[in-house]
C-alpha atoms as a PDB file:
ATOM      1  CA  MET A   1     -25.063   2.955   8.041  1.00  0.00           C
ATOM      2  CA  ARG A   2     -25.582   4.513   4.735  1.00  0.00           C
ATOM      3  CA  ASP A   3     -24.353   7.359   6.502  1.00  0.00           C
ATOM      4  CA  TYR A   4     -21.332   6.172   7.778  1.00  0.00           C
ATOM      5  CA  VAL A   5     -20.246   4.762   3.896  1.00  0.00           C
ATOM      6  CA  ALA A   6     -20.923   8.570   2.578  1.00  0.00           C
ATOM      7  CA  ASN A   7     -18.808   9.567   5.493  1.00  0.00           C
ATOM      8  CA  LEU A   8     -15.739   7.351   4.555  1.00  0.00           C
ATOM      9  CA  LYS A   9     -15.992   8.306   0.832  1.00  0.00           C
ATOM     10  CA  ASP A  10     -16.377  11.909   1.952  1.00  0.00           C
ATOM     11  CA  ALA A  11     -13.175  11.754   3.573  1.00  0.00           C
ATOM     12  CA  ALA A  12     -11.368   9.643   0.641  1.00  0.00           C
ATOM     13  CA  GLU A  13     -12.414  11.984  -2.202  1.00  0.00           C
ATOM     14  CA  TYR A  14     -10.908  14.767  -0.025  1.00  0.00           C
ATOM     15  CA  ILE A  15      -7.918  13.134   0.703  1.00  0.00           C
ATOM     16  CA  GLN A  16      -7.620  12.379  -3.176  1.00  0.00           C
ATOM     17  CA  SER A  17      -8.413  15.760  -4.355  1.00  0.00           C
ATOM     18  CA  HIS A  18      -5.055  16.712  -2.546  1.00  0.00           C
ATOM     19  CA  ILE A  19      -2.777  13.779  -3.414  1.00  0.00           C
ATOM     20  CA  SER A  20      -1.402  12.626  -7.012  1.00  0.00           C
ATOM     21  CA  VAL A  21       0.079   9.338  -5.816  1.00  0.00           C
ATOM     22  CA  LYS A  22      -2.096   5.697  -5.034  1.00  0.00           C
ATOM     23  CA  PRO A  23      -1.090   4.995  -1.561  1.00  0.00           C
ATOM     24  CA  GLU A  24      -0.143   1.047  -1.474  1.00  0.00           C
ATOM     25  CA  ILE A  25       0.697   1.046   2.408  1.00  0.00           C
ATOM     26  CA  GLY A  26      -1.062   2.442   5.357  1.00  0.00           C
ATOM     27  CA  LEU A  27       1.146   3.783   8.499  1.00  0.00           C
ATOM     28  CA  ILE A  28      -0.371   3.633  11.628  1.00  0.00           C
ATOM     29  CA  LEU A  29       2.107   5.164  14.304  1.00  0.00           C
ATOM     30  CA  GLY A  30       1.685   4.745  17.700  1.00  0.00           C
ATOM     31  CA  SER A  31       2.911   7.088  20.715  1.00  0.00           C
ATOM     32  CA  GLY A  32       6.664   8.576  20.581  1.00  0.00           C
ATOM     33  CA  LEU A  33       7.017   6.768  16.978  1.00  0.00           C
ATOM     34  CA  GLY A  34       5.222   9.090  14.848  1.00  0.00           C
ATOM     35  CA  VAL A  35       8.732  10.673  13.983  1.00  0.00           C
ATOM     36  CA  LEU A  36       8.778   7.910  11.152  1.00  0.00           C
ATOM     37  CA  ALA A  37       6.305  10.468   9.249  1.00  0.00           C
ATOM     38  CA  ASP A  38       8.952  12.557   8.854  1.00  0.00           C
ATOM     39  CA  GLU A  39      11.250  10.667   6.588  1.00  0.00           C
ATOM     40  CA  ILE A  40       8.278  10.808   3.922  1.00  0.00           C
ATOM     41  CA  GLU A  41       9.672  12.276   1.047  1.00  0.00           C
ATOM     42  CA  ASP A  42       7.262  14.874  -1.364  1.00  0.00           C
ATOM     43  CA  THR A  43       4.554  14.963   1.278  1.00  0.00           C
ATOM     44  CA  VAL A  44       1.241  16.496   1.104  1.00  0.00           C
ATOM     45  CA  CYS A  45       0.287  16.726   5.666  1.00  0.00           C
ATOM     46  CA  LEU A  46      -3.338  17.129   5.925  1.00  0.00           C
ATOM     47  CA  SER A  47      -4.383  17.838   9.502  1.00  0.00           C
ATOM     48  CA  TYR A  48      -7.313  15.419  11.283  1.00  0.00           C
ATOM     49  CA  HIS A  49      -9.160  18.773  11.363  1.00  0.00           C
ATOM     50  CA  LYS A  50      -9.754  19.193   7.641  1.00  0.00           C
ATOM     51  CA  ILE A  51     -10.716  16.274   6.607  1.00  0.00           C
ATOM     52  CA  PRO A  52     -14.229  15.621   6.580  1.00  0.00           C
ATOM     53  CA  HIS A  53     -15.983  13.498   9.187  1.00  0.00           C
ATOM     54  CA  PHE A  54     -12.486  12.605  10.623  1.00  0.00           C
ATOM     55  CA  PRO A  55     -11.565  12.342  14.563  1.00  0.00           C
ATOM     56  CA  VAL A  56      -9.214  13.967  16.054  1.00  0.00           C
ATOM     57  CA  SER A  57      -6.334  12.831  18.032  1.00  0.00           C
ATOM     58  CA  THR A  58      -6.431  13.989  21.659  1.00  0.00           C
ATOM     59  CA  VAL A  59      -3.118  12.270  23.138  1.00  0.00           C
ATOM     60  CA  GLU A  60      -0.002  13.831  23.898  1.00  0.00           C
ATOM     61  CA  GLY A  61       2.714  12.578  21.640  1.00  0.00           C
ATOM     62  CA  HIS A  62       0.301  12.595  18.692  1.00  0.00           C
ATOM     63  CA  LYS A  63       0.345  15.254  15.851  1.00  0.00           C
ATOM     64  CA  GLY A  64      -3.129  14.358  14.236  1.00  0.00           C
ATOM     65  CA  GLN A  65      -2.267  14.612  10.760  1.00  0.00           C
ATOM     66  CA  LEU A  66      -2.210  12.533   7.488  1.00  0.00           C
ATOM     67  CA  VAL A  67       1.193  12.336   5.665  1.00  0.00           C
ATOM     68  CA  ILE A  68       1.247  11.090   2.137  1.00  0.00           C
ATOM     69  CA  GLY A  69       4.376  10.714   0.411  1.00  0.00           C
ATOM     70  CA  THR A  70       7.215   8.044  -0.740  1.00  0.00           C
ATOM     71  CA  LEU A  71       9.409   6.030   1.959  1.00  0.00           C
ATOM     72  CA  GLU A  72      11.698   3.870   0.349  1.00  0.00           C
ATOM     73  CA  GLY A  73      10.030   3.613  -3.116  1.00  0.00           C
ATOM     74  CA  LYS A  74       6.884   2.796  -1.589  1.00  0.00           C
ATOM     75  CA  ASN A  75       3.569   5.419  -1.785  1.00  0.00           C
ATOM     76  CA  VAL A  76       2.544   5.113   1.867  1.00  0.00           C
ATOM     77  CA  VAL A  77       0.153   7.378   3.992  1.00  0.00           C
ATOM     78  CA  ALA A  78       0.801   7.575   7.479  1.00  0.00           C
ATOM     79  CA  MET A  79      -1.093   8.349  10.760  1.00  0.00           C
ATOM     80  CA  GLN A  80       0.763  10.473  12.546  1.00  0.00           C
ATOM     81  CA  GLY A  81      -1.622  10.136  15.679  1.00  0.00           C
ATOM     82  CA  ARG A  82      -4.608   7.339  16.336  1.00  0.00           C
ATOM     83  CA  PHE A  83      -7.444   7.359  17.771  1.00  0.00           C
ATOM     84  CA  HIS A  84      -8.786   5.304  21.007  1.00  0.00           C
ATOM     85  CA  TYR A  85     -11.904   3.899  22.798  1.00  0.00           C
ATOM     86  CA  TYR A  86     -10.578   5.300  25.467  1.00  0.00           C
ATOM     87  CA  GLU A  87     -10.699   8.973  24.287  1.00  0.00           C
ATOM     88  CA  GLY A  88     -14.652   8.582  24.440  1.00  0.00           C
ATOM     89  CA  TYR A  89     -14.964   7.467  20.379  1.00  0.00           C
ATOM     90  CA  SER A  90     -16.888   4.642  19.417  1.00  0.00           C
ATOM     91  CA  MET A  91     -15.150   1.346  17.614  1.00  0.00           C
ATOM     92  CA  LYS A  92     -16.413   2.720  13.988  1.00  0.00           C
ATOM     93  CA  GLN A  93     -14.614   6.516  14.814  1.00  0.00           C
ATOM     94  CA  VAL A  94     -11.468   4.689  15.927  1.00  0.00           C
ATOM     95  CA  THR A  95     -10.998   2.386  12.847  1.00  0.00           C
ATOM     96  CA  PHE A  96     -12.376   5.051  10.445  1.00  0.00           C
ATOM     97  CA  PRO A  97      -9.529   5.708   8.615  1.00  0.00           C
ATOM     98  CA  VAL A  98      -8.783   2.257   8.105  1.00  0.00           C
ATOM     99  CA  TYR A  99     -11.747   2.097   5.944  1.00  0.00           C
ATOM    100  CA  VAL A 100     -10.779   5.438   4.385  1.00  0.00           C
ATOM    101  CA  MET A 101      -7.086   3.744   3.508  1.00  0.00           C
ATOM    102  CA  LYS A 102      -8.457   0.972   1.704  1.00  0.00           C
ATOM    103  CA  LEU A 103     -10.603   3.189  -0.574  1.00  0.00           C
ATOM    104  CA  LEU A 104      -7.379   5.086  -1.392  1.00  0.00           C
ATOM    105  CA  GLY A 105      -6.111   1.803  -2.834  1.00  0.00           C
ATOM    106  CA  VAL A 106      -3.518   0.853   0.162  1.00  0.00           C
ATOM    107  CA  HIS A 107      -3.365  -3.170   0.205  1.00  0.00           C
ATOM    108  CA  SER A 108      -1.719  -3.359   3.479  1.00  0.00           C
ATOM    109  CA  VAL A 109      -0.974  -1.529   6.563  1.00  0.00           C
ATOM    110  CA  VAL A 110       1.831  -1.328   9.149  1.00  0.00           C
ATOM    111  CA  ILE A 111       0.669  -0.840  13.016  1.00  0.00           C
ATOM    112  CA  THR A 112       2.604   0.177  15.838  1.00  0.00           C
ATOM    113  CA  ASN A 113       2.126   0.937  19.098  1.00  0.00           C
ATOM    114  CA  ALA A 114       3.991   1.190  22.487  1.00  0.00           C
ATOM    115  CA  CYS A 115       3.109  -1.577  24.750  1.00  0.00           C
ATOM    116  CA  GLY A 116       3.895  -3.312  28.508  1.00  0.00           C
ATOM    117  CA  GLY A 117       5.727  -5.967  28.527  1.00  0.00           C
ATOM    118  CA  MET A 118       4.109  -9.438  29.956  1.00  0.00           C
ATOM    119  CA  ASN A 119       6.580 -11.914  29.062  1.00  0.00           C
ATOM    120  CA  ARG A 120       9.451 -12.191  31.606  1.00  0.00           C
ATOM    121  CA  THR A 121      11.834 -12.461  28.842  1.00  0.00           C
ATOM    122  CA  PHE A 122      11.214  -8.894  27.520  1.00  0.00           C
ATOM    123  CA  ALA A 123      13.000  -5.883  28.520  1.00  0.00           C
ATOM    124  CA  PRO A 124      11.525  -2.140  28.225  1.00  0.00           C
ATOM    125  CA  GLY A 125      13.271  -1.115  24.766  1.00  0.00           C
ATOM    126  CA  ASP A 126      12.301  -4.246  23.016  1.00  0.00           C
ATOM    127  CA  LEU A 127      10.674  -4.929  19.980  1.00  0.00           C
ATOM    128  CA  MET A 128       7.920  -7.513  19.236  1.00  0.00           C
ATOM    129  CA  ILE A 129       6.575  -8.653  16.156  1.00  0.00           C
ATOM    130  CA  ILE A 130       2.785  -9.511  16.915  1.00  0.00           C
ATOM    131  CA  GLU A 131       1.793 -12.852  16.033  1.00  0.00           C
ATOM    132  CA  ASP A 132      -1.373 -12.749  16.863  1.00  0.00           C
ATOM    133  CA  HIS A 133      -4.018 -10.931  19.563  1.00  0.00           C
ATOM    134  CA  ILE A 134      -6.604 -10.982  22.284  1.00  0.00           C
ATOM    135  CA  ASN A 135      -9.720  -8.790  22.129  1.00  0.00           C
ATOM    136  CA  PHE A 136      -9.515  -7.158  25.458  1.00  0.00           C
ATOM    137  CA  THR A 137     -11.190  -4.155  24.936  1.00  0.00           C
ATOM    138  CA  GLY A 138     -15.152  -5.469  25.577  1.00  0.00           C
ATOM    139  CA  ASP A 139     -16.150  -3.870  22.357  1.00  0.00           C
ATOM    140  CA  HIS A 140     -16.114  -5.012  18.692  1.00  0.00           C
ATOM    141  CA  PRO A 141     -15.899  -2.213  15.703  1.00  0.00           C
ATOM    142  CA  LEU A 142     -17.717  -4.799  13.498  1.00  0.00           C
ATOM    143  CA  ILE A 143     -20.686  -4.694  15.784  1.00  0.00           C
ATOM    144  CA  GLY A 144     -23.902  -2.978  13.689  1.00  0.00           C
ATOM    145  CA  PRO A 145     -24.800  -3.894  10.160  1.00  0.00           C
ATOM    146  CA  ASN A 146     -22.148  -5.235   7.694  1.00  0.00           C
ATOM    147  CA  ILE A 147     -20.877  -3.261   5.002  1.00  0.00           C
ATOM    148  CA  GLU A 148     -20.603  -5.609   2.585  1.00  0.00           C
ATOM    149  CA  GLU A 149     -18.673  -3.611   0.005  1.00  0.00           C
ATOM    150  CA  PHE A 150     -15.508  -4.149   2.173  1.00  0.00           C
ATOM    151  CA  GLY A 151     -15.784  -7.471   3.505  1.00  0.00           C
ATOM    152  CA  PRO A 152     -18.161 -10.290   4.865  1.00  0.00           C
ATOM    153  CA  ARG A 153     -20.561 -10.410   8.038  1.00  0.00           C
ATOM    154  CA  PHE A 154     -18.148 -13.221   9.869  1.00  0.00           C
ATOM    155  CA  PRO A 155     -14.407 -12.419   8.801  1.00  0.00           C
ATOM    156  CA  ASP A 156     -12.097 -14.576   9.099  1.00  0.00           C
ATOM    157  CA  MET A 157      -9.478 -14.060  11.847  1.00  0.00           C
ATOM    158  CA  SER A 158      -7.064 -17.108  11.427  1.00  0.00           C
ATOM    159  CA  GLU A 159      -4.452 -14.957  10.215  1.00  0.00           C
ATOM    160  CA  ALA A 160      -4.771 -11.502  11.625  1.00  0.00           C
ATOM    161  CA  TYR A 161      -1.142 -10.830  10.679  1.00  0.00           C
ATOM    162  CA  ALA A 162       0.541 -11.859   7.508  1.00  0.00           C
ATOM    163  CA  LYS A 163       2.584 -14.784   8.148  1.00  0.00           C
ATOM    164  CA  GLU A 164       4.642 -13.573   5.265  1.00  0.00           C
ATOM    165  CA  TYR A 165       5.277 -10.032   6.933  1.00  0.00           C
ATOM    166  CA  ILE A 166       5.821 -11.670  10.212  1.00  0.00           C
ATOM    167  CA  HIS A 167       8.746 -14.033   8.637  1.00  0.00           C
ATOM    168  CA  LEU A 168      10.253 -10.626   6.524  1.00  0.00           C
ATOM    169  CA  ALA A 169      10.020  -8.549   9.692  1.00  0.00           C
ATOM    170  CA  GLN A 170      11.789 -11.394  11.651  1.00  0.00           C
ATOM    171  CA  GLU A 171      14.457 -11.905   8.798  1.00  0.00           C
ATOM    172  CA  THR A 172      15.283  -7.957   8.333  1.00  0.00           C
ATOM    173  CA  ALA A 173      15.811  -7.567  11.658  1.00  0.00           C
ATOM    174  CA  LYS A 174      18.417 -10.164  11.900  1.00  0.00           C
ATOM    175  CA  GLU A 175      20.087  -8.605   8.876  1.00  0.00           C
ATOM    176  CA  LEU A 176      20.316  -5.719  10.547  1.00  0.00           C
ATOM    177  CA  GLY A 177      21.166  -7.014  13.552  1.00  0.00           C
ATOM    178  CA  ILE A 178      18.637  -6.247  15.786  1.00  0.00           C
ATOM    179  CA  SER A 179      17.564  -8.396  18.757  1.00  0.00           C
ATOM    180  CA  ILE A 180      13.358  -8.911  17.995  1.00  0.00           C
ATOM    181  CA  GLN A 181      10.800 -10.658  19.812  1.00  0.00           C
ATOM    182  CA  ARG A 182       7.526 -12.260  18.505  1.00  0.00           C
ATOM    183  CA  GLY A 183       4.264 -12.640  20.944  1.00  0.00           C
ATOM    184  CA  VAL A 184       0.332 -12.342  21.284  1.00  0.00           C
ATOM    185  CA  TYR A 185      -0.884  -8.737  21.759  1.00  0.00           C
ATOM    186  CA  VAL A 186      -3.847  -8.451  24.386  1.00  0.00           C
ATOM    187  CA  GLY A 187      -5.902  -4.977  23.556  1.00  0.00           C
ATOM    188  CA  ILE A 188      -7.211  -3.176  26.311  1.00  0.00           C
ATOM    189  CA  SER A 189      -9.802  -0.428  26.510  1.00  0.00           C
ATOM    190  CA  GLY A 190      -7.826   1.848  28.848  1.00  0.00           C
ATOM    191  CA  PRO A 191      -7.139   4.399  30.107  1.00  0.00           C
ATOM    192  CA  SER A 192      -5.987   3.127  33.208  1.00  0.00           C
ATOM    193  CA  TYR A 193      -3.327   0.921  33.453  1.00  0.00           C
ATOM    194  CA  MET A 194      -4.161  -2.747  34.579  1.00  0.00           C
ATOM    195  CA  THR A 195      -3.788  -3.765  38.118  1.00  0.00           C
ATOM    196  CA  PRO A 196      -1.129  -6.581  39.183  1.00  0.00           C
ATOM    197  CA  ALA A 197      -4.068  -8.909  39.195  1.00  0.00           C
ATOM    198  CA  GLU A 198      -5.412  -8.256  36.147  1.00  0.00           C
ATOM    199  CA  LEU A 199      -2.034  -8.444  34.116  1.00  0.00           C
ATOM    200  CA  THR A 200      -1.793 -11.964  36.037  1.00  0.00           C
ATOM    201  CA  ILE A 201      -4.564 -12.866  34.519  1.00  0.00           C
ATOM    202  CA  LEU A 202      -3.812 -11.644  31.168  1.00  0.00           C
ATOM    203  CA  ALA A 203      -0.136 -13.355  31.032  1.00  0.00           C
ATOM    204  CA  ARG A 204      -2.038 -16.935  31.926  1.00  0.00           C
ATOM    205  CA  LEU A 205      -4.731 -16.176  28.851  1.00  0.00           C
ATOM    206  CA  GLY A 206      -1.599 -16.320  26.741  1.00  0.00           C
ATOM    207  CA  GLY A 207      -0.457 -12.433  26.270  1.00  0.00           C
ATOM    208  CA  ASP A 208       3.091 -11.271  25.690  1.00  0.00           C
ATOM    209  CA  ALA A 209       2.353  -7.660  25.832  1.00  0.00           C
ATOM    210  CA  VAL A 210      -0.539  -5.380  26.577  1.00  0.00           C
ATOM    211  CA  GLY A 211      -1.941  -2.408  24.984  1.00  0.00           C
ATOM    212  CA  MET A 212      -4.848   0.515  24.170  1.00  0.00           C
ATOM    213  CA  SER A 213      -4.899   0.148  20.668  1.00  0.00           C
ATOM    214  CA  THR A 214      -4.301  -2.022  17.701  1.00  0.00           C
ATOM    215  CA  VAL A 215      -6.499  -4.438  17.781  1.00  0.00           C
ATOM    216  CA  PRO A 216      -9.540  -2.604  16.694  1.00  0.00           C
ATOM    217  CA  GLU A 217      -7.541  -1.512  13.349  1.00  0.00           C
ATOM    218  CA  VAL A 218      -6.369  -5.088  12.633  1.00  0.00           C
ATOM    219  CA  ILE A 219     -10.031  -6.249  12.591  1.00  0.00           C
ATOM    220  CA  VAL A 220     -11.063  -3.687  10.413  1.00  0.00           C
ATOM    221  CA  ALA A 221      -7.895  -4.105   8.524  1.00  0.00           C
ATOM    222  CA  ARG A 222      -8.560  -7.647   7.790  1.00  0.00           C
ATOM    223  CA  HIS A 223     -12.267  -7.532   7.448  1.00  0.00           C
ATOM    224  CA  ALA A 224     -11.413  -5.199   4.241  1.00  0.00           C
ATOM    225  CA  SER A 225      -8.525  -7.952   3.426  1.00  0.00           C
ATOM    226  CA  LEU A 226      -5.707  -6.035   3.844  1.00  0.00           C
ATOM    227  CA  LYS A 227      -2.762  -7.482   4.979  1.00  0.00           C
ATOM    228  CA  VAL A 228      -1.404  -6.328   8.323  1.00  0.00           C
ATOM    229  CA  LEU A 229       2.247  -6.068   9.563  1.00  0.00           C
ATOM    230  CA  GLY A 230       2.144  -5.453  13.822  1.00  0.00           C
ATOM    231  CA  ILE A 231       5.187  -4.275  15.487  1.00  0.00           C
ATOM    232  CA  SER A 232       5.268  -3.427  19.592  1.00  0.00           C
ATOM    233  CA  CYS A 233       7.566  -1.234  21.358  1.00  0.00           C
ATOM    234  CA  VAL A 234       7.570  -2.452  24.863  1.00  0.00           C
ATOM    235  CA  THR A 235       7.978   0.600  26.658  1.00  0.00           C
ATOM    236  CA  ASP A 236       7.639  -1.020  30.513  1.00  0.00           C
ATOM    237  CA  MET A 237       7.749  -3.935  32.208  1.00  0.00           C
ATOM    238  CA  ALA A 238       3.674  -5.292  33.057  1.00  0.00           C
ATOM    239  CA  ILE A 239       4.442  -8.144  34.748  1.00  0.00           C
ATOM    240  CA  GLY A 240       1.623  -8.268  37.942  1.00  0.00           C
ATOM    241  CA  GLU A 241       3.541  -9.902  40.722  1.00  0.00           C
ATOM    242  CA  GLU A 242       6.270  -7.007  40.084  1.00  0.00           C
ATOM    243  CA  LEU A 243       4.436  -4.035  39.010  1.00  0.00           C
ATOM    244  CA  GLU A 244       5.608  -0.960  39.255  1.00  0.00           C
ATOM    245  CA  PRO A 245       4.046   2.979  38.723  1.00  0.00           C
ATOM    246  CA  LEU A 246       3.830   4.046  35.351  1.00  0.00           C
ATOM    247  CA  THR A 247       3.103   7.561  33.898  1.00  0.00           C
ATOM    248  CA  HIS A 248       2.806   8.296  30.343  1.00  0.00           C
ATOM    249  CA  GLU A 249       5.557  10.122  30.005  1.00  0.00           C
ATOM    250  CA  GLN A 250       7.611   7.192  30.834  1.00  0.00           C
ATOM    251  CA  VAL A 251       5.855   5.127  27.782  1.00  0.00           C
ATOM    252  CA  VAL A 252       7.123   8.252  25.595  1.00  0.00           C
ATOM    253  CA  GLU A 253      10.594   8.678  26.675  1.00  0.00           C
ATOM    254  CA  VAL A 254      11.036   4.441  26.183  1.00  0.00           C
ATOM    255  CA  ALA A 255       9.121   4.831  22.914  1.00  0.00           C
ATOM    256  CA  ASN A 256      11.432   7.761  21.509  1.00  0.00           C
ATOM    257  CA  ARG A 257      14.818   6.084  22.818  1.00  0.00           C
ATOM    258  CA  THR A 258      13.729   2.569  20.929  1.00  0.00           C
ATOM    259  CA  ARG A 259      12.301   4.528  18.025  1.00  0.00           C
ATOM    260  CA  PRO A 260      15.876   4.645  16.111  1.00  0.00           C
ATOM    261  CA  LYS A 261      16.152   0.872  15.442  1.00  0.00           C
ATOM    262  CA  LEU A 262      12.145   0.547  14.675  1.00  0.00           C
ATOM    263  CA  ILE A 263      12.537   3.246  11.811  1.00  0.00           C
ATOM    264  CA  SER A 264      15.435   1.193  10.707  1.00  0.00           C
ATOM    265  CA  LEU A 265      13.445  -1.888  10.735  1.00  0.00           C
ATOM    266  CA  LEU A 266      10.646  -0.968   9.011  1.00  0.00           C
ATOM    267  CA  LYS A 267      12.384   1.476   6.294  1.00  0.00           C
ATOM    268  CA  ALA A 268      13.730  -1.829   5.375  1.00  0.00           C
ATOM    269  CA  VAL A 269      10.396  -3.821   5.662  1.00  0.00           C
ATOM    270  CA  LEU A 270       8.872  -1.707   3.616  1.00  0.00           C
ATOM    271  CA  PRO A 271      10.015  -2.877   0.388  1.00  0.00           C
ATOM    272  CA  LYS A 272       9.414  -5.870   0.526  1.00  0.00           C
ATOM    273  CA  LEU A 273       5.784  -5.619   1.754  1.00  0.00           C
ATOM    274  CA  ASN A 274       3.986  -6.393  -1.546  1.00  0.00           C
ATOM    275  CA  GLY A 275      -0.183  -7.180  -1.635  1.00  0.00           C
END
């Protein structure tokens, strides 16, 4: 574990040596949503390949770089492309950037993803504020020795997603005239999409949306006392009894169509997120 902590500090020191600002907010951008980072001003872009000990994104639609700069008056560090358990990375590698963000001085993270909607009132193209999650990945990023300098052995998850941020996002969406859903996100391991029977079970357990990311990052963010705002882009309907074939290209295409309103919402919310 000492090596892991040393690797985190190596990565943070490398990033700090290339920037002159202290990031306040971390942005983790999902499939088709990384374009938000293109709106960041006064940027420094660092390829994951060049950051010590950083994993490398292998998923289509993920650029694979950190973008540090200013967005809507906030100093941000944005991940254009995240890491997934299904890529063969360990949970420690998947969540490595979240701890690095903490070392950089970030107080909050905004996490976006593309997901399948299990709630029958949802539709492709909807945005969903994540109120809570169910970890169905079969693993946990905090297994193993605890890193005391980041957080306690048994971190509280009673408010995984900051209630004040949920309220801010909903009120901001209302001000912008953007219709928005709220619900529970179920995190699975992937990489296969789920069977009809599996989706039926997850919906009965209380899930409103399902995806292959976010949950590990949120667990580690809360371990490190970072506030979290999670927003999902519903790219398809994942209702067991009505399931249709799905491809990653379809997911990215719907995410691309939805991203203008997501970008508008995030840019309006960012100035209101205070640690």
